[in-house]
C-alpha atoms as a PDB file:
ATOM      1  CA  MET A   1     -20.543 -23.578 -30.247  1.00  0.00           C
ATOM      2  CA  LYS A   2     -18.353 -25.078 -27.358  1.00  0.00           C
ATOM      3  CA  ILE A   3     -14.630 -24.719 -27.561  1.00  0.00           C
ATOM      4  CA  GLN A   4     -12.393 -27.278 -26.034  1.00  0.00           C
ATOM      5  CA  LEU A   5      -8.796 -26.425 -25.351  1.00  0.00           C
ATOM      6  CA  ASP A   6      -6.260 -29.121 -25.411  1.00  0.00           C
ATOM      7  CA  LYS A   7      -5.049 -30.390 -22.083  1.00  0.00           C
ATOM      8  CA  ARG A   8      -1.292 -29.419 -22.849  1.00  0.00           C
ATOM      9  CA  PHE A   9      -2.380 -25.873 -23.745  1.00  0.00           C
ATOM     10  CA  GLN A  10      -4.106 -25.801 -20.426  1.00  0.00           C
ATOM     11  CA  ASN A  11      -1.287 -27.143 -18.438  1.00  0.00           C
ATOM     12  CA  ARG A  12       1.017 -24.773 -20.062  1.00  0.00           C
ATOM     13  CA  VAL A  13      -1.002 -21.428 -19.633  1.00  0.00           C
ATOM     14  CA  LYS A  14      -1.366 -22.712 -15.916  1.00  0.00           C
ATOM     15  CA  GLY A  15       2.600 -22.937 -15.605  1.00  0.00           C
ATOM     16  CA  VAL A  16       2.671 -19.372 -17.000  1.00  0.00           C
ATOM     17  CA  PHE A  17       0.452 -18.008 -14.251  1.00  0.00           C
ATOM     18  CA  GLU A  18       1.674 -20.252 -11.407  1.00  0.00           C
ATOM     19  CA  LYS A  19       5.345 -19.036 -11.855  1.00  0.00           C
ATOM     20  CA  TYR A  20       4.198 -15.619 -10.337  1.00  0.00           C
ATOM     21  CA  SER A  21       3.435 -14.797  -6.865  1.00  0.00           C
ATOM     22  CA  PHE A  22       3.187 -11.433  -5.200  1.00  0.00           C
ATOM     23  CA  GLU A  23       3.166  -9.920  -1.567  1.00  0.00           C
ATOM     24  CA  VAL A  24       1.998  -6.481  -0.570  1.00  0.00           C
ATOM     25  CA  GLY A  25       2.382  -5.109   3.089  1.00  0.00           C
ATOM     26  CA  ILE A  26       4.910  -3.791   5.298  1.00  0.00           C
ATOM     27  CA  LEU A  27       7.753  -6.104   3.805  1.00  0.00           C
ATOM     28  CA  GLU A  28      10.690  -4.116   5.228  1.00  0.00           C
ATOM     29  CA  ASP A  29      10.054  -2.970   8.914  1.00  0.00           C
ATOM     30  CA  LYS A  30      12.106  -0.298  10.419  1.00  0.00           C
ATOM     31  CA  ILE A  31      11.982   1.924  13.393  1.00  0.00           C
ATOM     32  CA  HIS A  32       9.184   4.632  13.402  1.00  0.00           C
ATOM     33  CA  LYS A  33      10.374   7.949  13.913  1.00  0.00           C
ATOM     34  CA  LEU A  34       8.385  10.708  15.932  1.00  0.00           C
ATOM     35  CA  PRO A  35       6.971  13.860  13.997  1.00  0.00           C
ATOM     36  CA  LYS A  36       8.936  16.942  14.367  1.00  0.00           C
ATOM     37  CA  LYS A  37       8.073  18.885  17.134  1.00  0.00           C
ATOM     38  CA  GLY A  38       6.061  22.427  16.772  1.00  0.00           C
ATOM     39  CA  VAL A  39       3.114  24.505  17.613  1.00  0.00           C
ATOM     40  CA  ARG A  40      -0.188  22.488  17.454  1.00  0.00           C
ATOM     41  CA  GLY A  41      -1.632  22.887  13.841  1.00  0.00           C
ATOM     42  CA  LEU A  42       1.116  24.796  12.669  1.00  0.00           C
ATOM     43  CA  LYS A  43       1.162  24.802   8.768  1.00  0.00           C
ATOM     44  CA  GLY A  44       4.824  26.290   8.237  1.00  0.00           C
ATOM     45  CA  GLN A  45       7.432  24.904   6.671  1.00  0.00           C
ATOM     46  CA  ASP A  46       9.196  23.721   9.744  1.00  0.00           C
ATOM     47  CA  VAL A  47       6.666  21.108  10.567  1.00  0.00           C
ATOM     48  CA  ILE A  48       4.339  20.491   7.468  1.00  0.00           C
ATOM     49  CA  SER A  49       5.333  19.319   3.951  1.00  0.00           C
ATOM     50  CA  SER A  50       3.683  17.856   1.320  1.00  0.00           C
ATOM     51  CA  TYR A  51       3.419  13.893   0.407  1.00  0.00           C
ATOM     52  CA  ALA A  52       0.904  12.233  -2.305  1.00  0.00           C
ATOM     53  CA  GLY A  53      -0.909  15.380  -2.935  1.00  0.00           C
ATOM     54  CA  GLY A  54      -1.417  16.392   0.894  1.00  0.00           C
ATOM     55  CA  PRO A  55      -0.049  17.545   3.889  1.00  0.00           C
ATOM     56  CA  VAL A  56       2.296  15.444   6.200  1.00  0.00           C
ATOM     57  CA  ARG A  57       4.088  16.164   9.236  1.00  0.00           C
ATOM     58  CA  LYS A  58       8.197  15.791   9.088  1.00  0.00           C
ATOM     59  CA  THR A  59       9.840  13.355  10.976  1.00  0.00           C
ATOM     60  CA  SER A  60      12.613  14.171  13.745  1.00  0.00           C
ATOM     61  CA  THR A  61      15.532  12.360  14.419  1.00  0.00           C
ATOM     62  CA  ASN A  62      14.029  11.015  17.462  1.00  0.00           C
ATOM     63  CA  GLU A  63      12.751   7.340  17.511  1.00  0.00           C
ATOM     64  CA  SER A  64       9.820   5.670  18.603  1.00  0.00           C
ATOM     65  CA  VAL A  65       9.433   3.071  20.554  1.00  0.00           C
ATOM     66  CA  LEU A  66       7.400   1.423  18.019  1.00  0.00           C
ATOM     67  CA  ASN A  67       8.480  -0.014  14.364  1.00  0.00           C
ATOM     68  CA  VAL A  68       6.350   0.547  11.424  1.00  0.00           C
ATOM     69  CA  SER A  69       4.740  -2.836  11.622  1.00  0.00           C
ATOM     70  CA  ASP A  70       3.590  -2.032  15.024  1.00  0.00           C
ATOM     71  CA  VAL A  71       1.848   1.227  13.911  1.00  0.00           C
ATOM     72  CA  SER A  72       0.245  -0.931  11.063  1.00  0.00           C
ATOM     73  CA  LYS A  73      -1.144  -3.279  13.718  1.00  0.00           C
ATOM     74  CA  ALA A  74      -2.477  -0.507  15.993  1.00  0.00           C
ATOM     75  CA  ASN A  75      -4.116   1.249  12.910  1.00  0.00           C
ATOM     76  CA  ARG A  76      -5.824  -2.397  11.870  1.00  0.00           C
ATOM     77  CA  ASP A  77      -6.814  -2.651  15.507  1.00  0.00           C
ATOM     78  CA  ARG A  78      -8.175   0.804  16.040  1.00  0.00           C
ATOM     79  CA  LEU A  79      -9.842   0.627  12.584  1.00  0.00           C
ATOM     80  CA  ARG A  80     -11.106  -2.795  12.876  1.00  0.00           C
ATOM     81  CA  ILE A  81     -10.302  -3.712   9.239  1.00  0.00           C
ATOM     82  CA  ASN A  82      -7.190  -5.158   7.842  1.00  0.00           C
ATOM     83  CA  TYR A  83      -6.390  -2.251   5.427  1.00  0.00           C
ATOM     84  CA  LEU A  84      -3.874  -4.579   3.610  1.00  0.00           C
ATOM     85  CA  THR A  85      -6.444  -6.877   2.877  1.00  0.00           C
ATOM     86  CA  ALA A  86      -9.736  -5.071   2.439  1.00  0.00           C
ATOM     87  CA  PRO A  87      -9.215  -3.418  -0.849  1.00  0.00           C
ATOM     88  CA  PHE A  88      -9.085  -7.335  -2.358  1.00  0.00           C
ATOM     89  CA  LYS A  89     -12.534  -7.721  -1.103  1.00  0.00           C
ATOM     90  CA  LYS A  90     -14.186  -5.840  -3.756  1.00  0.00           C
ATOM     91  CA  LYS A  91     -13.590  -5.206  -7.431  1.00  0.00           C
ATOM     92  CA  SER A  92     -12.009  -2.068  -8.062  1.00  0.00           C
ATOM     93  CA  SER A  93     -10.450  -0.257 -10.970  1.00  0.00           C
ATOM     94  CA  ASP A  94      -6.947  -0.792  -9.453  1.00  0.00           C
ATOM     95  CA  ILE A  95      -7.131  -4.522  -9.196  1.00  0.00           C
ATOM     96  CA  ILE A  96      -8.513  -4.336 -13.112  1.00  0.00           C
ATOM     97  CA  LYS A  97      -5.605  -2.419 -13.997  1.00  0.00           C
ATOM     98  CA  PHE A  98      -3.376  -5.127 -11.968  1.00  0.00           C
ATOM     99  CA  SER A  99      -5.088  -8.146 -13.353  1.00  0.00           C
ATOM    100  CA  ASN A 100      -4.475  -6.551 -16.895  1.00  0.00           C
ATOM    101  CA  GLU A 101      -0.984  -5.824 -16.215  1.00  0.00           C
ATOM    102  CA  PHE A 102      -0.425  -9.216 -14.887  1.00  0.00           C
ATOM    103  CA  PHE A 103      -1.741 -11.074 -17.987  1.00  0.00           C
ATOM    104  CA  LYS A 104       0.821  -9.039 -19.943  1.00  0.00           C
ATOM    105  CA  LEU A 105       3.616  -9.757 -17.779  1.00  0.00           C
ATOM    106  CA  ALA A 106       3.065 -13.354 -17.817  1.00  0.00           C
ATOM    107  CA  PHE A 107       3.222 -13.435 -21.857  1.00  0.00           C
ATOM    108  CA  GLY A 108       6.430 -11.022 -21.821  1.00  0.00           C
ATOM    109  CA  ARG A 109       4.512  -7.962 -22.639  1.00  0.00           C
ATOM    110  CA  SER A 110       5.140  -5.946 -19.336  1.00  0.00           C
ATOM    111  CA  GLU A 111       7.737  -5.446 -16.371  1.00  0.00           C
ATOM    112  CA  LYS A 112       7.467  -7.033 -12.779  1.00  0.00           C
ATOM    113  CA  LYS A 113       7.907  -3.334 -11.550  1.00  0.00           C
ATOM    114  CA  ARG A 114       4.722  -2.190 -13.288  1.00  0.00           C
ATOM    115  CA  CYS A 115       2.765  -4.961 -11.782  1.00  0.00           C
ATOM    116  CA  GLU A 116       4.458  -4.357  -8.289  1.00  0.00           C
ATOM    117  CA  ASN A 117       3.419  -0.455  -8.363  1.00  0.00           C
ATOM    118  CA  LEU A 118      -0.155  -1.438  -9.504  1.00  0.00           C
ATOM    119  CA  LEU A 119      -0.207  -3.824  -6.573  1.00  0.00           C
ATOM    120  CA  GLN A 120       0.842  -1.344  -4.076  1.00  0.00           C
ATOM    121  CA  ALA A 121      -1.771   1.291  -5.568  1.00  0.00           C
ATOM    122  CA  ILE A 122      -4.485  -1.227  -4.667  1.00  0.00           C
ATOM    123  CA  VAL A 123      -3.627  -0.916  -0.899  1.00  0.00           C
ATOM    124  CA  ARG A 124      -2.603   2.730  -0.821  1.00  0.00           C
ATOM    125  CA  ASN A 125      -5.150   4.623  -2.808  1.00  0.00           C
ATOM    126  CA  PRO A 126      -8.201   3.677  -0.289  1.00  0.00           C
ATOM    127  CA  ILE A 127      -5.895   5.537   2.223  1.00  0.00           C
ATOM    128  CA  LEU A 128      -5.418   8.397   0.267  1.00  0.00           C
ATOM    129  CA  ARG A 129      -8.887   8.496  -0.702  1.00  0.00           C
ATOM    130  CA  GLY A 130      -9.890   8.821   3.159  1.00  0.00           C
ATOM    131  CA  GLU A 131     -12.005   5.407   2.834  1.00  0.00           C
ATOM    132  CA  TYR A 132     -10.829   4.413   6.387  1.00  0.00           C
ATOM    133  CA  GLY A 133     -12.534   7.607   7.993  1.00  0.00           C
ATOM    134  CA  SER A 134     -11.094  10.816   9.208  1.00  0.00           C
ATOM    135  CA  ASN A 135      -9.075  11.801  12.230  1.00  0.00           C
ATOM    136  CA  SER A 136     -10.667  12.710  15.678  1.00  0.00           C
ATOM    137  CA  GLU A 137     -11.130  16.588  16.245  1.00  0.00           C
ATOM    138  CA  ILE A 138      -7.875  16.461  18.978  1.00  0.00           C
ATOM    139  CA  THR A 139      -5.764  14.472  16.320  1.00  0.00           C
ATOM    140  CA  GLN A 140      -6.660  17.130  13.622  1.00  0.00           C
ATOM    141  CA  LYS A 141      -5.572  19.822  16.089  1.00  0.00           C
ATOM    142  CA  ILE A 142      -2.421  17.942  16.752  1.00  0.00           C
ATOM    143  CA  LYS A 143      -1.608  17.455  13.046  1.00  0.00           C
ATOM    144  CA  GLY A 144      -3.031  20.517  11.585  1.00  0.00           C
ATOM    145  CA  PHE A 145      -4.778  18.365   8.861  1.00  0.00           C
ATOM    146  CA  ASP A 146      -7.205  15.592   8.698  1.00  0.00           C
ATOM    147  CA  ARG A 147      -5.614  12.649   6.481  1.00  0.00           C
ATOM    148  CA  GLY A 148      -6.467   9.395   8.445  1.00  0.00           C
ATOM    149  CA  MET A 149      -3.704   7.216   8.393  1.00  0.00           C
ATOM    150  CA  ILE A 150      -1.255   9.866   7.181  1.00  0.00           C
ATOM    151  CA  ASP A 151       0.708  11.346   9.490  1.00  0.00           C
ATOM    152  CA  THR A 152       4.406  11.451   8.822  1.00  0.00           C
ATOM    153  CA  ALA A 153       3.739   9.194   5.797  1.00  0.00           C
ATOM    154  CA  GLN A 154       6.284   6.380   7.022  1.00  0.00           C
ATOM    155  CA  LEU A 155       3.557   3.829   7.180  1.00  0.00           C
ATOM    156  CA  PHE A 156       2.287   4.860   3.804  1.00  0.00           C
ATOM    157  CA  LYS A 157       5.888   4.645   2.345  1.00  0.00           C
ATOM    158  CA  SER A 158       6.603   1.337   3.910  1.00  0.00           C
ATOM    159  CA  ILE A 159       3.593  -0.298   1.983  1.00  0.00           C
ATOM    160  CA  LYS A 160       5.531  -2.250  -0.815  1.00  0.00           C
ATOM    161  CA  ALA A 161       4.657  -4.962  -2.988  1.00  0.00           C
ATOM    162  CA  MET A 162       7.143  -7.670  -4.332  1.00  0.00           C
ATOM    163  CA  THR A 163       7.133 -10.031  -7.410  1.00  0.00           C
ATOM    164  CA  LYS A 164       8.673 -13.594  -7.038  1.00  0.00           C
ATOM    165  CA  VAL A 165       9.217 -15.480 -10.009  1.00  0.00           C
ATOM    166  CA  ARG A 166       9.945 -19.295  -9.982  1.00  0.00           C
ATOM    167  CA  THR A 167      11.948 -20.773 -12.669  1.00  0.00           C
ATOM    168  CA  ASN A 168      11.326 -24.385 -12.016  1.00  0.00           C
ATOM    169  CA  VAL A 169       7.217 -24.326 -12.954  1.00  0.00           C
END
């Protein structure tokens, strides 16, 4: 049995989906702050805190010469992988969750913010899982922990998602 959908229905559904566009990445660039100074590898409260289930170094008030987008580019160059687009090249549970939520959003059964959070998770979760490798031994000693791409969590926190809704579709 073959079901043929009416062209008007196809166009209406197409219009429902096409009115949404999504962006994910470093959407608001800001100055990157240097980590707080301390004894290398010190795990005291004055240098190490916790974020997203693991340790991070606290930031100082001293500004780096780099913006967060510069740090992002340096990581992409060093890793030889674009961590912002790589997660979209394979099917994952995060992409499935986002897709399901997007269908709900398109038909008025969800909120934009939920889709944005899930889109952020698609990019952030591989970083949290350590999919882009470990730090070098010297970097581990300097930081006091081994969380690749996470030092002060400024880059990680800057990965945001945004939904745009066109009204003239």
